[in-house]
Amino acid sequence: MSNNYPYLEVNKRMHGIDWLANKEDYLNKVKGTETDQEFLNTIDEILRDINNGHTHILDRDYVKRLRKAYYYSTKDLPANWRVLLFETLNSELVKNCYNLVLNWRNNWWGRYWP
């Protein structure tokens, strides 16, 4: 996080939250969770301390809706940010993480069809 997120010092100055200094507190909160829902709520709470509206934990249904929306909004477009987002959402890592078993396949020009 300290190597890849450039706004930690800004967050510290603007909001008084030293995210890296809170690491042990965050770890203890996560270790104290007993259910998947508690874990997700705790991670969400920790991420809110970053004060970045683009940083979220996405649930499975939301990821499925995003994949569908970006598939249909990108199928006739050249490579752009929507295509990159769709390809990320359709990656094996994301599909495995969210337990998405879909019948998506590559067609002859490398795009995906349901």
N, C-alpha and C. Protein backbone atom coordinates (compact mmCIF):
# COMPACT_ATOMS: atom_id res chain seq x y z
N MET A 1 0.82 -1.18 0.00
CA MET A 1 0.00 0.00 0.00
C MET A 1 0.87 1.26 0.00
N SER A 2 1.90 1.26 0.81
CA SER A 2 2.75 2.46 0.87
C SER A 2 3.50 2.69 -0.44
N ASN A 3 3.75 1.62 -1.20
CA ASN A 3 4.46 1.76 -2.47
C ASN A 3 3.54 2.08 -3.64
N ASN A 4 2.27 1.75 -3.52
CA ASN A 4 1.38 1.85 -4.68
C ASN A 4 0.23 2.84 -4.53
N TYR A 5 0.05 3.44 -3.39
CA TYR A 5 -1.05 4.37 -3.20
C TYR A 5 -0.47 5.72 -2.79
N PRO A 6 -0.48 6.69 -3.70
CA PRO A 6 0.24 7.95 -3.46
C PRO A 6 -0.46 8.95 -2.54
N TYR A 7 -1.68 8.67 -2.11
CA TYR A 7 -2.45 9.68 -1.38
C TYR A 7 -2.52 9.47 0.13
N LEU A 8 -1.72 8.56 0.65
CA LEU A 8 -1.77 8.32 2.09
C LEU A 8 -1.38 9.56 2.90
N GLU A 9 -0.37 10.27 2.46
CA GLU A 9 0.05 11.49 3.17
C GLU A 9 -1.01 12.59 3.04
N VAL A 10 -1.64 12.67 1.89
CA VAL A 10 -2.73 13.65 1.70
C VAL A 10 -3.87 13.32 2.65
N ASN A 11 -4.22 12.06 2.73
CA ASN A 11 -5.28 11.61 3.63
C ASN A 11 -4.94 11.95 5.08
N LYS A 12 -3.68 11.77 5.43
CA LYS A 12 -3.22 12.06 6.79
C LYS A 12 -3.36 13.56 7.09
N ARG A 13 -2.96 14.41 6.14
CA ARG A 13 -3.06 15.85 6.34
C ARG A 13 -4.50 16.34 6.35
N MET A 14 -5.30 15.84 5.42
CA MET A 14 -6.66 16.34 5.27
C MET A 14 -7.65 15.75 6.27
N HIS A 15 -7.46 14.48 6.65
CA HIS A 15 -8.45 13.80 7.47
C HIS A 15 -7.90 13.31 8.81
N GLY A 16 -6.60 13.48 9.01
CA GLY A 16 -6.00 13.08 10.28
C GLY A 16 -5.92 11.57 10.47
N ILE A 17 -5.97 10.82 9.37
CA ILE A 17 -5.90 9.36 9.47
C ILE A 17 -4.57 8.88 8.91
N ASP A 18 -3.77 8.29 9.78
CA ASP A 18 -2.50 7.71 9.36
C ASP A 18 -2.74 6.23 9.10
N TRP A 19 -3.11 5.93 7.88
CA TRP A 19 -3.55 4.60 7.51
C TRP A 19 -2.48 3.55 7.80
N LEU A 20 -1.24 3.85 7.48
CA LEU A 20 -0.16 2.88 7.71
C LEU A 20 0.12 2.68 9.20
N ALA A 21 0.01 3.74 9.97
CA ALA A 21 0.23 3.61 11.42
C ALA A 21 -0.88 2.80 12.08
N ASN A 22 -2.03 2.72 11.44
CA ASN A 22 -3.17 1.98 11.99
C ASN A 22 -3.16 0.50 11.61
N LYS A 23 -2.10 0.05 10.97
CA LYS A 23 -2.05 -1.31 10.44
C LYS A 23 -2.37 -2.37 11.50
N GLU A 24 -1.78 -2.29 12.66
CA GLU A 24 -2.02 -3.29 13.71
C GLU A 24 -3.48 -3.26 14.17
N ASP A 25 -4.04 -2.06 14.30
CA ASP A 25 -5.46 -1.96 14.66
C ASP A 25 -6.34 -2.63 13.61
N TYR A 26 -6.02 -2.36 12.34
CA TYR A 26 -6.79 -2.96 11.25
C TYR A 26 -6.66 -4.48 11.28
N LEU A 27 -5.44 -4.98 11.47
CA LEU A 27 -5.23 -6.43 11.53
C LEU A 27 -6.02 -7.06 12.67
N ASN A 28 -6.02 -6.42 13.82
CA ASN A 28 -6.76 -6.96 14.97
C ASN A 28 -8.27 -6.97 14.70
N LYS A 29 -8.76 -5.93 14.04
CA LYS A 29 -10.18 -5.91 13.69
C LYS A 29 -10.52 -7.06 12.76
N VAL A 30 -9.68 -7.28 11.76
CA VAL A 30 -9.94 -8.36 10.80
C VAL A 30 -9.86 -9.72 11.50
N LYS A 31 -8.85 -9.91 12.34
CA LYS A 31 -8.71 -11.18 13.06
C LYS A 31 -9.87 -11.43 14.00
N GLY A 32 -10.54 -10.38 14.45
CA GLY A 32 -11.66 -10.52 15.37
C GLY A 32 -12.99 -10.85 14.70
N THR A 33 -13.00 -10.91 13.39
CA THR A 33 -14.25 -11.23 12.71
C THR A 33 -14.51 -12.72 12.77
N GLU A 34 -15.79 -13.08 12.83
CA GLU A 34 -16.16 -14.49 12.93
C GLU A 34 -16.97 -15.00 11.75
N THR A 35 -17.54 -14.11 10.97
CA THR A 35 -18.34 -14.53 9.83
C THR A 35 -17.85 -13.81 8.58
N ASP A 36 -18.25 -14.30 7.43
CA ASP A 36 -17.90 -13.64 6.17
C ASP A 36 -18.45 -12.21 6.15
N GLN A 37 -19.68 -12.03 6.65
CA GLN A 37 -20.28 -10.70 6.63
C GLN A 37 -19.53 -9.74 7.55
N GLU A 38 -19.13 -10.20 8.72
CA GLU A 38 -18.32 -9.37 9.62
C GLU A 38 -17.00 -9.00 8.95
N PHE A 39 -16.39 -9.97 8.29
CA PHE A 39 -15.13 -9.71 7.58
C PHE A 39 -15.33 -8.63 6.53
N LEU A 40 -16.35 -8.77 5.68
CA LEU A 40 -16.61 -7.77 4.64
C LEU A 40 -16.90 -6.40 5.23
N ASN A 41 -17.70 -6.36 6.28
CA ASN A 41 -18.01 -5.08 6.93
C ASN A 41 -16.75 -4.43 7.49
N THR A 42 -15.88 -5.24 8.08
CA THR A 42 -14.64 -4.72 8.66
C THR A 42 -13.71 -4.20 7.57
N ILE A 43 -13.55 -4.95 6.49
CA ILE A 43 -12.71 -4.49 5.38
C ILE A 43 -13.28 -3.20 4.80
N ASP A 44 -14.59 -3.13 4.66
CA ASP A 44 -15.23 -1.91 4.15
C ASP A 44 -14.95 -0.73 5.08
N GLU A 45 -15.04 -0.95 6.37
CA GLU A 45 -14.76 0.11 7.35
C GLU A 45 -13.30 0.57 7.25
N ILE A 46 -12.39 -0.37 7.11
CA ILE A 46 -10.97 -0.04 6.98
C ILE A 46 -10.72 0.76 5.71
N LEU A 47 -11.34 0.32 4.61
CA LEU A 47 -11.15 1.04 3.34
C LEU A 47 -11.74 2.44 3.38
N ARG A 48 -12.81 2.65 4.15
CA ARG A 48 -13.38 4.00 4.28
C ARG A 48 -12.37 4.97 4.89
N ASP A 49 -11.45 4.46 5.70
CA ASP A 49 -10.41 5.32 6.29
C ASP A 49 -9.48 5.90 5.23
N ILE A 50 -9.46 5.32 4.04
CA ILE A 50 -8.63 5.87 2.96
C ILE A 50 -9.26 7.15 2.41
N ASN A 51 -10.58 7.30 2.59
CA ASN A 51 -11.31 8.47 2.09
C ASN A 51 -11.19 8.61 0.58
N ASN A 52 -11.37 7.50 -0.10
CA ASN A 52 -11.32 7.47 -1.56
C ASN A 52 -12.62 6.84 -2.05
N GLY A 53 -13.45 7.61 -2.71
CA GLY A 53 -14.73 7.12 -3.18
C GLY A 53 -14.65 6.05 -4.25
N HIS A 54 -13.47 5.77 -4.75
CA HIS A 54 -13.30 4.75 -5.79
C HIS A 54 -12.80 3.43 -5.23
N THR A 55 -12.67 3.31 -3.93
CA THR A 55 -12.14 2.11 -3.31
C THR A 55 -13.26 1.41 -2.54
N HIS A 56 -13.63 0.23 -3.03
CA HIS A 56 -14.76 -0.50 -2.45
C HIS A 56 -14.50 -2.01 -2.49
N ILE A 57 -15.26 -2.71 -1.66
CA ILE A 57 -15.39 -4.15 -1.78
C ILE A 57 -16.67 -4.37 -2.56
N LEU A 58 -16.61 -5.14 -3.62
CA LEU A 58 -17.79 -5.38 -4.44
C LEU A 58 -18.36 -6.75 -4.14
N ASP A 59 -19.68 -6.82 -3.96
CA ASP A 59 -20.29 -8.13 -3.75
C ASP A 59 -20.54 -8.80 -5.10
N ARG A 60 -20.82 -10.09 -5.05
CA ARG A 60 -20.94 -10.90 -6.25
C ARG A 60 -22.01 -10.36 -7.21
N ASP A 61 -23.18 -10.01 -6.69
CA ASP A 61 -24.25 -9.52 -7.55
C ASP A 61 -23.86 -8.24 -8.27
N TYR A 62 -23.15 -7.36 -7.57
CA TYR A 62 -22.72 -6.11 -8.18
C TYR A 62 -21.71 -6.37 -9.31
N VAL A 63 -20.79 -7.30 -9.07
CA VAL A 63 -19.81 -7.65 -10.11
C VAL A 63 -20.52 -8.24 -11.32
N LYS A 64 -21.51 -9.09 -11.09
CA LYS A 64 -22.27 -9.67 -12.20
C LYS A 64 -22.97 -8.57 -13.01
N ARG A 65 -23.59 -7.61 -12.32
CA ARG A 65 -24.26 -6.51 -13.02
C ARG A 65 -23.27 -5.66 -13.81
N LEU A 66 -22.11 -5.37 -13.20
CA LEU A 66 -21.08 -4.59 -13.90
C LEU A 66 -20.60 -5.30 -15.16
N ARG A 67 -20.33 -6.60 -15.03
CA ARG A 67 -19.84 -7.37 -16.18
C ARG A 67 -20.85 -7.31 -17.33
N LYS A 68 -22.12 -7.48 -17.00
CA LYS A 68 -23.16 -7.45 -18.02
C LYS A 68 -23.25 -6.06 -18.65
N ALA A 69 -23.27 -5.03 -17.82
CA ALA A 69 -23.37 -3.65 -18.33
C ALA A 69 -22.18 -3.31 -19.22
N TYR A 70 -20.98 -3.64 -18.79
CA TYR A 70 -19.80 -3.31 -19.58
C TYR A 70 -19.67 -4.19 -20.81
N TYR A 71 -20.17 -5.40 -20.75
CA TYR A 71 -20.15 -6.24 -21.95
C TYR A 71 -20.99 -5.57 -23.04
N TYR A 72 -22.20 -5.20 -22.71
CA TYR A 72 -23.09 -4.64 -23.72
C TYR A 72 -22.69 -3.23 -24.13
N SER A 73 -21.99 -2.49 -23.25
CA SER A 73 -21.58 -1.14 -23.63
C SER A 73 -20.26 -1.12 -24.38
N THR A 74 -19.58 -2.27 -24.49
CA THR A 74 -18.26 -2.28 -25.15
C THR A 74 -18.17 -3.20 -26.36
N LYS A 75 -19.20 -3.97 -26.63
CA LYS A 75 -19.02 -5.02 -27.64
C LYS A 75 -18.72 -4.49 -29.04
N ASP A 76 -19.07 -3.25 -29.35
CA ASP A 76 -18.78 -2.71 -30.68
C ASP A 76 -17.77 -1.57 -30.64
N LEU A 77 -17.06 -1.43 -29.54
CA LEU A 77 -16.12 -0.32 -29.39
C LEU A 77 -14.68 -0.79 -29.52
N PRO A 78 -13.79 0.10 -30.00
CA PRO A 78 -12.37 -0.22 -29.95
C PRO A 78 -11.89 -0.19 -28.49
N ALA A 79 -10.68 -0.60 -28.26
CA ALA A 79 -10.14 -0.62 -26.90
C ALA A 79 -10.21 0.76 -26.26
N ASN A 80 -10.80 0.84 -25.11
CA ASN A 80 -10.86 2.05 -24.31
C ASN A 80 -11.02 1.63 -22.85
N TRP A 81 -11.26 2.55 -21.95
CA TRP A 81 -11.32 2.20 -20.53
C TRP A 81 -12.45 1.24 -20.22
N ARG A 82 -13.59 1.33 -20.93
CA ARG A 82 -14.70 0.41 -20.68
C ARG A 82 -14.31 -1.02 -21.06
N VAL A 83 -13.62 -1.15 -22.18
CA VAL A 83 -13.17 -2.47 -22.62
C VAL A 83 -12.17 -3.03 -21.61
N LEU A 84 -11.25 -2.21 -21.15
CA LEU A 84 -10.27 -2.67 -20.15
C LEU A 84 -10.95 -3.08 -18.85
N LEU A 85 -11.96 -2.31 -18.43
CA LEU A 85 -12.69 -2.67 -17.21
C LEU A 85 -13.42 -3.99 -17.41
N PHE A 86 -14.09 -4.14 -18.56
CA PHE A 86 -14.78 -5.40 -18.82
C PHE A 86 -13.81 -6.57 -18.83
N GLU A 87 -12.67 -6.41 -19.48
CA GLU A 87 -11.71 -7.50 -19.54
C GLU A 87 -11.18 -7.85 -18.15
N THR A 88 -11.04 -6.86 -17.30
CA THR A 88 -10.64 -7.12 -15.91
C THR A 88 -11.73 -7.89 -15.18
N LEU A 89 -12.98 -7.44 -15.33
CA LEU A 89 -14.10 -8.11 -14.67
C LEU A 89 -14.32 -9.52 -15.20
N ASN A 90 -13.88 -9.78 -16.42
CA ASN A 90 -14.05 -11.08 -17.03
C ASN A 90 -12.80 -11.96 -16.89
N SER A 91 -11.81 -11.50 -16.16
CA SER A 91 -10.57 -12.27 -15.99
C SER A 91 -10.82 -13.51 -15.12
N GLU A 92 -9.97 -14.49 -15.26
CA GLU A 92 -10.08 -15.71 -14.46
C GLU A 92 -9.98 -15.40 -12.97
N LEU A 93 -9.12 -14.45 -12.60
CA LEU A 93 -8.96 -14.08 -11.20
C LEU A 93 -10.28 -13.58 -10.61
N VAL A 94 -10.94 -12.67 -11.31
CA VAL A 94 -12.21 -12.13 -10.81
C VAL A 94 -13.29 -13.21 -10.82
N LYS A 95 -13.35 -13.97 -11.91
CA LYS A 95 -14.37 -15.02 -11.97
C LYS A 95 -14.18 -16.04 -10.84
N ASN A 96 -12.94 -16.40 -10.54
CA ASN A 96 -12.69 -17.33 -9.45
C ASN A 96 -12.98 -16.70 -8.09
N CYS A 97 -12.58 -15.46 -7.92
CA CYS A 97 -12.79 -14.77 -6.64
C CYS A 97 -14.27 -14.65 -6.30
N TYR A 98 -15.08 -14.36 -7.31
CA TYR A 98 -16.52 -14.16 -7.09
C TYR A 98 -17.34 -15.40 -7.45
N ASN A 99 -16.65 -16.52 -7.68
CA ASN A 99 -17.32 -17.78 -7.98
C ASN A 99 -18.31 -17.62 -9.12
N LEU A 100 -17.86 -17.00 -10.19
CA LEU A 100 -18.70 -16.78 -11.36
C LEU A 100 -18.45 -17.88 -12.37
N VAL A 101 -19.41 -18.74 -12.54
CA VAL A 101 -19.32 -19.81 -13.52
C VAL A 101 -20.22 -19.39 -14.67
N LEU A 102 -19.61 -18.93 -15.74
CA LEU A 102 -20.37 -18.42 -16.87
C LEU A 102 -19.94 -19.11 -18.14
N ASN A 103 -20.78 -19.05 -19.13
CA ASN A 103 -20.48 -19.69 -20.41
C ASN A 103 -19.92 -18.70 -21.41
N TRP A 104 -19.14 -17.74 -20.95
CA TRP A 104 -18.56 -16.75 -21.84
C TRP A 104 -17.40 -17.39 -22.58
N ARG A 105 -17.26 -17.04 -23.87
CA ARG A 105 -16.18 -17.61 -24.66
C ARG A 105 -15.62 -16.54 -25.60
N ASN A 106 -14.44 -16.78 -26.09
CA ASN A 106 -13.83 -15.88 -27.08
C ASN A 106 -14.46 -16.14 -28.44
N ASN A 107 -14.75 -15.08 -29.15
CA ASN A 107 -15.18 -15.27 -30.52
C ASN A 107 -13.99 -15.02 -31.45
N TRP A 108 -14.20 -15.01 -32.74
CA TRP A 108 -13.09 -14.97 -33.68
C TRP A 108 -12.25 -13.71 -33.63
N TRP A 109 -12.73 -12.59 -33.09
CA TRP A 109 -11.86 -11.41 -33.03
C TRP A 109 -11.43 -11.07 -31.60
N GLY A 110 -11.60 -12.04 -30.69
CA GLY A 110 -11.04 -11.88 -29.36
C GLY A 110 -11.94 -11.21 -28.35
N ARG A 111 -13.17 -10.90 -28.72
CA ARG A 111 -14.11 -10.29 -27.77
C ARG A 111 -14.96 -11.39 -27.14
N TYR A 112 -15.68 -11.04 -26.11
CA TYR A 112 -16.46 -12.02 -25.37
C TYR A 112 -17.95 -11.89 -25.66
N TRP A 113 -18.61 -13.02 -25.74
CA TRP A 113 -20.06 -13.05 -25.94
C TRP A 113 -20.67 -13.96 -24.88
N PRO A 114 -21.84 -13.58 -24.40
CA PRO A 114 -22.48 -14.44 -23.38
C PRO A 114 -22.97 -15.74 -23.99
